[in-house]
Amino acid sequence: MGEADSLEGLAPTGLFLQLLGVQFLKRAANCPFGPQPIPWAVTVKFKGITVLRQSDKTSIIFPNGQTALVTDTRPHLVQMS
């Protein structure tokens, strides 16, 4: 509950990632499940892994350029092959 456009106004990162359903593991991303709780697209980047969470799909891009697309609501563990 801080000032707009200020770092202090953000929710704690861990809580925000939990809300999105995203968990980063070594060389993997535990993909979100359930409907997107936030009405706009969210991009999270961590250690070279990019997760783009949209209302109907989630894209995971790994540092080597490999991409995974998840379109259902079941939990997924997505790893580089």
PDB file of N, CA and C in Angstrom:
ATOM      1  N   MET A   1       0.833  -1.183   0.000  1.00  0.00           N
ATOM      2  CA  MET A   1       0.000   0.000   0.000  1.00  0.00           C
ATOM      3  C   MET A   1       0.873   1.240   0.000  1.00  0.00           C
ATOM      4  N   GLY A   2       1.751   1.318  -0.971  1.00  0.00           N
ATOM      5  CA  GLY A   2       2.628   2.473  -1.069  1.00  0.00           C
ATOM      6  C   GLY A   2       2.224   3.383  -2.206  1.00  0.00           C
ATOM      7  N   GLU A   3       3.115   4.253  -2.531  1.00  0.00           N
ATOM      8  CA  GLU A   3       2.898   5.223  -3.589  1.00  0.00           C
ATOM      9  C   GLU A   3       2.857   4.532  -4.957  1.00  0.00           C
ATOM     10  N   ALA A   4       2.036   5.052  -5.873  1.00  0.00           N
ATOM     11  CA  ALA A   4       1.938   4.476  -7.215  1.00  0.00           C
ATOM     12  C   ALA A   4       3.281   4.574  -7.931  1.00  0.00           C
ATOM     13  N   ASP A   5       3.601   3.557  -8.733  1.00  0.00           N
ATOM     14  CA  ASP A   5       4.854   3.484  -9.493  1.00  0.00           C
ATOM     15  C   ASP A   5       6.091   3.514  -8.606  1.00  0.00           C
ATOM     16  N   SER A   6       5.973   2.998  -7.410  1.00  0.00           N
ATOM     17  CA  SER A   6       7.088   2.954  -6.472  1.00  0.00           C
ATOM     18  C   SER A   6       7.292   1.514  -6.036  1.00  0.00           C
ATOM     19  N   LEU A   7       8.537   1.119  -5.848  1.00  0.00           N
ATOM     20  CA  LEU A   7       8.849  -0.239  -5.422  1.00  0.00           C
ATOM     21  C   LEU A   7       8.165  -0.596  -4.102  1.00  0.00           C
ATOM     22  N   GLU A   8       8.026   0.374  -3.211  1.00  0.00           N
ATOM     23  CA  GLU A   8       7.381   0.118  -1.927  1.00  0.00           C
ATOM     24  C   GLU A   8       5.900  -0.206  -2.093  1.00  0.00           C
ATOM     25  N   GLY A   9       5.304   0.144  -3.241  1.00  0.00           N
ATOM     26  CA  GLY A   9       3.887  -0.109  -3.475  1.00  0.00           C
ATOM     27  C   GLY A   9       3.596  -1.515  -3.972  1.00  0.00           C
ATOM     28  N   LEU A  10       4.631  -2.305  -4.218  1.00  0.00           N
ATOM     29  CA  LEU A  10       4.444  -3.661  -4.719  1.00  0.00           C
ATOM     30  C   LEU A  10       4.197  -4.652  -3.595  1.00  0.00           C
ATOM     31  N   ALA A  11       3.466  -5.703  -3.922  1.00  0.00           N
ATOM     32  CA  ALA A  11       3.300  -6.815  -2.981  1.00  0.00           C
ATOM     33  C   ALA A  11       4.635  -7.548  -2.876  1.00  0.00           C
ATOM     34  N   PRO A  12       4.880  -8.258  -1.769  1.00  0.00           N
ATOM     35  CA  PRO A  12       6.113  -9.044  -1.677  1.00  0.00           C
ATOM     36  C   PRO A  12       6.211 -10.018  -2.857  1.00  0.00           C
ATOM     37  N   THR A  13       7.394 -10.170  -3.401  1.00  0.00           N
ATOM     38  CA  THR A  13       7.597 -10.977  -4.601  1.00  0.00           C
ATOM     39  C   THR A  13       7.104 -12.409  -4.435  1.00  0.00           C
ATOM     40  N   GLY A  14       7.436 -13.034  -3.322  1.00  0.00           N
ATOM     41  CA  GLY A  14       7.014 -14.414  -3.083  1.00  0.00           C
ATOM     42  C   GLY A  14       5.500 -14.549  -3.079  1.00  0.00           C
ATOM     43  N   LEU A  15       4.823 -13.628  -2.461  1.00  0.00           N
ATOM     44  CA  LEU A  15       3.358 -13.643  -2.418  1.00  0.00           C
ATOM     45  C   LEU A  15       2.788 -13.452  -3.823  1.00  0.00           C
ATOM     46  N   PHE A  16       3.370 -12.546  -4.580  1.00  0.00           N
ATOM     47  CA  PHE A  16       2.916 -12.291  -5.946  1.00  0.00           C
ATOM     48  C   PHE A  16       3.085 -13.539  -6.812  1.00  0.00           C
ATOM     49  N   LEU A  17       4.232 -14.214  -6.718  1.00  0.00           N
ATOM     50  CA  LEU A  17       4.460 -15.434  -7.492  1.00  0.00           C
ATOM     51  C   LEU A  17       3.503 -16.542  -7.067  1.00  0.00           C
ATOM     52  N   GLN A  18       3.214 -16.634  -5.775  1.00  0.00           N
ATOM     53  CA  GLN A  18       2.248 -17.617  -5.290  1.00  0.00           C
ATOM     54  C   GLN A  18       0.876 -17.348  -5.879  1.00  0.00           C
ATOM     55  N   LEU A  19       0.468 -16.098  -5.911  1.00  0.00           N
ATOM     56  CA  LEU A  19      -0.812 -15.717  -6.480  1.00  0.00           C
ATOM     57  C   LEU A  19      -0.897 -16.122  -7.949  1.00  0.00           C
ATOM     58  N   LEU A  20       0.206 -15.935  -8.687  1.00  0.00           N
ATOM     59  CA  LEU A  20       0.244 -16.326 -10.095  1.00  0.00           C
ATOM     60  C   LEU A  20       0.343 -17.833 -10.274  1.00  0.00           C
ATOM     61  N   GLY A  21       0.801 -18.547  -9.247  1.00  0.00           N
ATOM     62  CA  GLY A  21       0.984 -19.981  -9.347  1.00  0.00           C
ATOM     63  C   GLY A  21       2.302 -20.366  -9.973  1.00  0.00           C
ATOM     64  N   VAL A  22       3.295 -19.476  -9.940  1.00  0.00           N
ATOM     65  CA  VAL A  22       4.588 -19.728 -10.575  1.00  0.00           C
ATOM     66  C   VAL A  22       5.636 -20.039  -9.510  1.00  0.00           C
ATOM     67  N   GLN A  23       6.392 -21.095  -9.747  1.00  0.00           N
ATOM     68  CA  GLN A  23       7.496 -21.448  -8.859  1.00  0.00           C
ATOM     69  C   GLN A  23       8.685 -21.795  -9.741  1.00  0.00           C
ATOM     70  N   PHE A  24       9.828 -21.179  -9.486  1.00  0.00           N
ATOM     71  CA  PHE A  24      11.033 -21.452 -10.270  1.00  0.00           C
ATOM     72  C   PHE A  24      11.865 -22.494  -9.542  1.00  0.00           C
ATOM     73  N   LEU A  25      12.308 -23.494 -10.306  1.00  0.00           N
ATOM     74  CA  LEU A  25      13.178 -24.539  -9.799  1.00  0.00           C
ATOM     75  C   LEU A  25      14.456 -24.503 -10.631  1.00  0.00           C
ATOM     76  N   LYS A  26      15.468 -25.247 -10.222  1.00  0.00           N
ATOM     77  CA  LYS A  26      16.709 -25.256 -10.983  1.00  0.00           C
ATOM     78  C   LYS A  26      16.455 -25.799 -12.386  1.00  0.00           C
ATOM     79  N   ARG A  27      16.680 -24.958 -13.406  1.00  0.00           N
ATOM     80  CA  ARG A  27      16.498 -25.296 -14.818  1.00  0.00           C
ATOM     81  C   ARG A  27      15.071 -25.718 -15.151  1.00  0.00           C
ATOM     82  N   ALA A  28      14.098 -25.278 -14.357  1.00  0.00           N
ATOM     83  CA  ALA A  28      12.710 -25.638 -14.633  1.00  0.00           C
ATOM     84  C   ALA A  28      11.790 -24.566 -14.072  1.00  0.00           C
ATOM     85  N   ALA A  29      10.558 -24.588 -14.516  1.00  0.00           N
ATOM     86  CA  ALA A  29       9.538 -23.706 -13.969  1.00  0.00           C
ATOM     87  C   ALA A  29       8.327 -24.571 -13.649  1.00  0.00           C
ATOM     88  N   ASN A  30       7.842 -24.481 -12.428  1.00  0.00           N
ATOM     89  CA  ASN A  30       6.627 -25.159 -12.052  1.00  0.00           C
ATOM     90  C   ASN A  30       5.501 -24.259 -12.529  1.00  0.00           C
ATOM     91  N   CYS A  31       4.809 -24.706 -13.549  1.00  0.00           N
ATOM     92  CA  CYS A  31       3.890 -23.844 -14.284  1.00  0.00           C
ATOM     93  C   CYS A  31       2.612 -23.579 -13.497  1.00  0.00           C
ATOM     94  N   PRO A  32       2.018 -22.428 -13.702  1.00  0.00           N
ATOM     95  CA  PRO A  32       0.805 -22.067 -12.995  1.00  0.00           C
ATOM     96  C   PRO A  32      -0.361 -22.996 -13.308  1.00  0.00           C
ATOM     97  N   PHE A  33      -1.319 -22.964 -12.447  1.00  0.00           N
ATOM     98  CA  PHE A  33      -2.522 -23.747 -12.659  1.00  0.00           C
ATOM     99  C   PHE A  33      -3.716 -22.898 -12.263  1.00  0.00           C
ATOM    100  N   GLY A  34      -4.874 -23.271 -12.761  1.00  0.00           N
ATOM    101  CA  GLY A  34      -6.075 -22.505 -12.477  1.00  0.00           C
ATOM    102  C   GLY A  34      -6.152 -21.272 -13.355  1.00  0.00           C
ATOM    103  N   PRO A  35      -7.250 -20.570 -13.261  1.00  0.00           N
ATOM    104  CA  PRO A  35      -7.402 -19.367 -14.085  1.00  0.00           C
ATOM    105  C   PRO A  35      -6.450 -18.266 -13.648  1.00  0.00           C
ATOM    106  N   GLN A  36      -6.080 -17.418 -14.572  1.00  0.00           N
ATOM    107  CA  GLN A  36      -5.199 -16.283 -14.272  1.00  0.00           C
ATOM    108  C   GLN A  36      -5.953 -15.335 -13.332  1.00  0.00           C
ATOM    109  N   PRO A  37      -5.442 -15.106 -12.124  1.00  0.00           N
ATOM    110  CA  PRO A  37      -6.155 -14.279 -11.153  1.00  0.00           C
ATOM    111  C   PRO A  37      -6.038 -12.774 -11.405  1.00  0.00           C
ATOM    112  N   ILE A  38      -5.141 -12.379 -12.267  1.00  0.00           N
ATOM    113  CA  ILE A  38      -4.922 -10.955 -12.543  1.00  0.00           C
ATOM    114  C   ILE A  38      -5.442 -10.680 -13.956  1.00  0.00           C
ATOM    115  N   PRO A  39      -6.216  -9.626 -14.169  1.00  0.00           N
ATOM    116  CA  PRO A  39      -6.872  -9.420 -15.465  1.00  0.00           C
ATOM    117  C   PRO A  39      -5.965  -8.977 -16.610  1.00  0.00           C
ATOM    118  N   TRP A  40      -4.688  -8.793 -16.392  1.00  0.00           N
ATOM    119  CA  TRP A  40      -3.783  -8.394 -17.464  1.00  0.00           C
ATOM    120  C   TRP A  40      -2.633  -9.394 -17.544  1.00  0.00           C
ATOM    121  N   ALA A  41      -1.923  -9.373 -18.659  1.00  0.00           N
ATOM    122  CA  ALA A  41      -0.782 -10.278 -18.847  1.00  0.00           C
ATOM    123  C   ALA A  41       0.348  -9.894 -17.894  1.00  0.00           C
ATOM    124  N   VAL A  42       1.032 -10.901 -17.366  1.00  0.00           N
ATOM    125  CA  VAL A  42       2.145 -10.687 -16.438  1.00  0.00           C
ATOM    126  C   VAL A  42       3.361 -11.432 -16.967  1.00  0.00           C
ATOM    127  N   THR A  43       4.497 -10.745 -17.027  1.00  0.00           N
ATOM    128  CA  THR A  43       5.760 -11.368 -17.432  1.00  0.00           C
ATOM    129  C   THR A  43       6.690 -11.387 -16.234  1.00  0.00           C
ATOM    130  N   VAL A  44       7.237 -12.577 -15.939  1.00  0.00           N
ATOM    131  CA  VAL A  44       8.190 -12.741 -14.843  1.00  0.00           C
ATOM    132  C   VAL A  44       9.466 -13.320 -15.434  1.00  0.00           C
ATOM    133  N   LYS A  45      10.605 -12.700 -15.122  1.00  0.00           N
ATOM    134  CA  LYS A  45      11.899 -13.196 -15.588  1.00  0.00           C
ATOM    135  C   LYS A  45      12.759 -13.518 -14.362  1.00  0.00           C
ATOM    136  N   PHE A  46      13.363 -14.722 -14.374  1.00  0.00           N
ATOM    137  CA  PHE A  46      14.202 -15.138 -13.262  1.00  0.00           C
ATOM    138  C   PHE A  46      15.242 -16.103 -13.781  1.00  0.00           C
ATOM    139  N   LYS A  47      16.513 -15.782 -13.570  1.00  0.00           N
ATOM    140  CA  LYS A  47      17.643 -16.633 -13.965  1.00  0.00           C
ATOM    141  C   LYS A  47      17.534 -17.098 -15.409  1.00  0.00           C
ATOM    142  N   GLY A  48      17.147 -16.196 -16.293  1.00  0.00           N
ATOM    143  CA  GLY A  48      17.083 -16.506 -17.712  1.00  0.00           C
ATOM    144  C   GLY A  48      15.795 -17.159 -18.175  1.00  0.00           C
ATOM    145  N   ILE A  49      14.931 -17.564 -17.247  1.00  0.00           N
ATOM    146  CA  ILE A  49      13.640 -18.160 -17.613  1.00  0.00           C
ATOM    147  C   ILE A  49      12.598 -17.053 -17.613  1.00  0.00           C
ATOM    148  N   THR A  50      11.819 -16.969 -18.686  1.00  0.00           N
ATOM    149  CA  THR A  50      10.756 -15.979 -18.786  1.00  0.00           C
ATOM    150  C   THR A  50       9.414 -16.697 -18.788  1.00  0.00           C
ATOM    151  N   VAL A  51       8.513 -16.280 -17.916  1.00  0.00           N
ATOM    152  CA  VAL A  51       7.159 -16.825 -17.865  1.00  0.00           C
ATOM    153  C   VAL A  51       6.204 -15.694 -18.208  1.00  0.00           C
ATOM    154  N   LEU A  52       5.429 -15.871 -19.274  1.00  0.00           N
ATOM    155  CA  LEU A  52       4.412 -14.905 -19.674  1.00  0.00           C
ATOM    156  C   LEU A  52       3.062 -15.529 -19.371  1.00  0.00           C
ATOM    157  N   ARG A  53       2.392 -15.006 -18.359  1.00  0.00           N
ATOM    158  CA  ARG A  53       1.110 -15.544 -17.890  1.00  0.00           C
ATOM    159  C   ARG A  53       0.006 -14.668 -18.449  1.00  0.00           C
ATOM    160  N   GLN A  54      -0.860 -15.247 -19.295  1.00  0.00           N
ATOM    161  CA  GLN A  54      -1.995 -14.535 -19.863  1.00  0.00           C
ATOM    162  C   GLN A  54      -3.280 -15.188 -19.384  1.00  0.00           C
ATOM    163  N   SER A  55      -4.414 -14.622 -19.724  1.00  0.00           N
ATOM    164  CA  SER A  55      -5.678 -15.136 -19.205  1.00  0.00           C
ATOM    165  C   SER A  55      -5.972 -16.562 -19.660  1.00  0.00           C
ATOM    166  N   ASP A  56      -5.560 -16.937 -20.864  1.00  0.00           N
ATOM    167  CA  ASP A  56      -5.910 -18.253 -21.393  1.00  0.00           C
ATOM    168  C   ASP A  56      -4.719 -19.159 -21.694  1.00  0.00           C
ATOM    169  N   LYS A  57      -3.507 -18.675 -21.483  1.00  0.00           N
ATOM    170  CA  LYS A  57      -2.323 -19.493 -21.771  1.00  0.00           C
ATOM    171  C   LYS A  57      -1.113 -18.950 -21.023  1.00  0.00           C
ATOM    172  N   THR A  58      -0.101 -19.801 -20.937  1.00  0.00           N
ATOM    173  CA  THR A  58       1.162 -19.424 -20.299  1.00  0.00           C
ATOM    174  C   THR A  58       2.302 -19.866 -21.199  1.00  0.00           C
ATOM    175  N   SER A  59       3.234 -18.965 -21.476  1.00  0.00           N
ATOM    176  CA  SER A  59       4.419 -19.281 -22.268  1.00  0.00           C
ATOM    177  C   SER A  59       5.630 -19.271 -21.352  1.00  0.00           C
ATOM    178  N   ILE A  60       6.479 -20.283 -21.483  1.00  0.00           N
ATOM    179  CA  ILE A  60       7.727 -20.358 -20.727  1.00  0.00           C
ATOM    180  C   ILE A  60       8.858 -20.376 -21.746  1.00  0.00           C
ATOM    181  N   ILE A  61       9.789 -19.438 -21.614  1.00  0.00           N
ATOM    182  CA  ILE A  61      10.930 -19.349 -22.521  1.00  0.00           C
ATOM    183  C   ILE A  61      12.197 -19.560 -21.698  1.00  0.00           C
ATOM    184  N   PHE A  62      12.995 -20.550 -22.073  1.00  0.00           N
ATOM    185  CA  PHE A  62      14.221 -20.878 -21.369  1.00  0.00           C
ATOM    186  C   PHE A  62      15.394 -20.112 -21.963  1.00  0.00           C
ATOM    187  N   PRO A  63      16.514 -20.032 -21.231  1.00  0.00           N
ATOM    188  CA  PRO A  63      17.668 -19.262 -21.706  1.00  0.00           C
ATOM    189  C   PRO A  63      18.197 -19.705 -23.069  1.00  0.00           C
ATOM    190  N   ASN A  64      18.039 -20.982 -23.413  1.00  0.00           N
ATOM    191  CA  ASN A  64      18.532 -21.474 -24.705  1.00  0.00           C
ATOM    192  C   ASN A  64      17.557 -21.203 -25.845  1.00  0.00           C
ATOM    193  N   GLY A  65      16.418 -20.536 -25.557  1.00  0.00           N
ATOM    194  CA  GLY A  65      15.429 -20.212 -26.572  1.00  0.00           C
ATOM    195  C   GLY A  65      14.303 -21.211 -26.688  1.00  0.00           C
ATOM    196  N   GLN A  66      14.431 -22.366 -26.011  1.00  0.00           N
ATOM    197  CA  GLN A  66      13.367 -23.363 -26.038  1.00  0.00           C
ATOM    198  C   GLN A  66      12.108 -22.765 -25.397  1.00  0.00           C
ATOM    199  N   THR A  67      10.953 -23.020 -26.012  1.00  0.00           N
ATOM    200  CA  THR A  67       9.700 -22.443 -25.547  1.00  0.00           C
ATOM    201  C   THR A  67       8.680 -23.540 -25.280  1.00  0.00           C
ATOM    202  N   ALA A  68       7.898 -23.356 -24.225  1.00  0.00           N
ATOM    203  CA  ALA A  68       6.787 -24.258 -23.921  1.00  0.00           C
ATOM    204  C   ALA A  68       5.529 -23.412 -23.792  1.00  0.00           C
ATOM    205  N   LEU A  69       4.411 -23.958 -24.259  1.00  0.00           N
ATOM    206  CA  LEU A  69       3.133 -23.270 -24.178  1.00  0.00           C
ATOM    207  C   LEU A  69       2.165 -24.162 -23.417  1.00  0.00           C
ATOM    208  N   VAL A  70       1.553 -23.627 -22.379  1.00  0.00           N
ATOM    209  CA  VAL A  70       0.585 -24.370 -21.567  1.00  0.00           C
ATOM    210  C   VAL A  70      -0.762 -23.689 -21.735  1.00  0.00           C
ATOM    211  N   THR A  71      -1.778 -24.476 -22.123  1.00  0.00           N
ATOM    212  CA  THR A  71      -3.093 -23.892 -22.367  1.00  0.00           C
ATOM    213  C   THR A  71      -4.189 -24.462 -21.480  1.00  0.00           C
ATOM    214  N   ASP A  72      -3.871 -25.440 -20.631  1.00  0.00           N
ATOM    215  CA  ASP A  72      -4.900 -25.963 -19.739  1.00  0.00           C
ATOM    216  C   ASP A  72      -4.619 -25.560 -18.294  1.00  0.00           C
ATOM    217  N   THR A  73      -5.496 -25.936 -17.381  1.00  0.00           N
ATOM    218  CA  THR A  73      -5.403 -25.451 -16.002  1.00  0.00           C
ATOM    219  C   THR A  73      -4.777 -26.450 -15.037  1.00  0.00           C
ATOM    220  N   ARG A  74      -4.337 -27.610 -15.538  1.00  0.00           N
ATOM    221  CA  ARG A  74      -3.687 -28.568 -14.644  1.00  0.00           C
ATOM    222  C   ARG A  74      -2.275 -28.120 -14.301  1.00  0.00           C
ATOM    223  N   PRO A  75      -1.756 -28.525 -13.154  1.00  0.00           N
ATOM    224  CA  PRO A  75      -0.361 -28.171 -12.811  1.00  0.00           C
ATOM    225  C   PRO A  75       0.608 -28.836 -13.795  1.00  0.00           C
ATOM    226  N   HIS A  76       1.697 -28.158 -14.075  1.00  0.00           N
ATOM    227  CA  HIS A  76       2.721 -28.661 -14.986  1.00  0.00           C
ATOM    228  C   HIS A  76       4.109 -28.351 -14.425  1.00  0.00           C
ATOM    229  N   LEU A  77       5.018 -29.281 -14.634  1.00  0.00           N
ATOM    230  CA  LEU A  77       6.432 -29.025 -14.389  1.00  0.00           C
ATOM    231  C   LEU A  77       7.074 -28.956 -15.764  1.00  0.00           C
ATOM    232  N   VAL A  78       7.593 -27.816 -16.132  1.00  0.00           N
ATOM    233  CA  VAL A  78       8.144 -27.604 -17.466  1.00  0.00           C
ATOM    234  C   VAL A  78       9.646 -27.469 -17.325  1.00  0.00           C
ATOM    235  N   GLN A  79      10.394 -28.339 -18.049  1.00  0.00           N
ATOM    236  CA  GLN A  79      11.855 -28.336 -17.976  1.00  0.00           C
ATOM    237  C   GLN A  79      12.445 -28.220 -19.367  1.00  0.00           C
ATOM    238  N   MET A  80      13.696 -27.766 -19.431  1.00  0.00           N
ATOM    239  CA  MET A  80      14.432 -27.801 -20.697  1.00  0.00           C
ATOM    240  C   MET A  80      14.760 -29.246 -20.999  1.00  0.00           C
ATOM    241  N   SER A  81      14.752 -29.600 -22.268  1.00  0.00           N
ATOM    242  CA  SER A  81      15.120 -30.980 -22.613  1.00  0.00           C
ATOM    243  C   SER A  81      16.552 -31.040 -23.061  1.00  0.00           C
TER     244      SER A  81
END
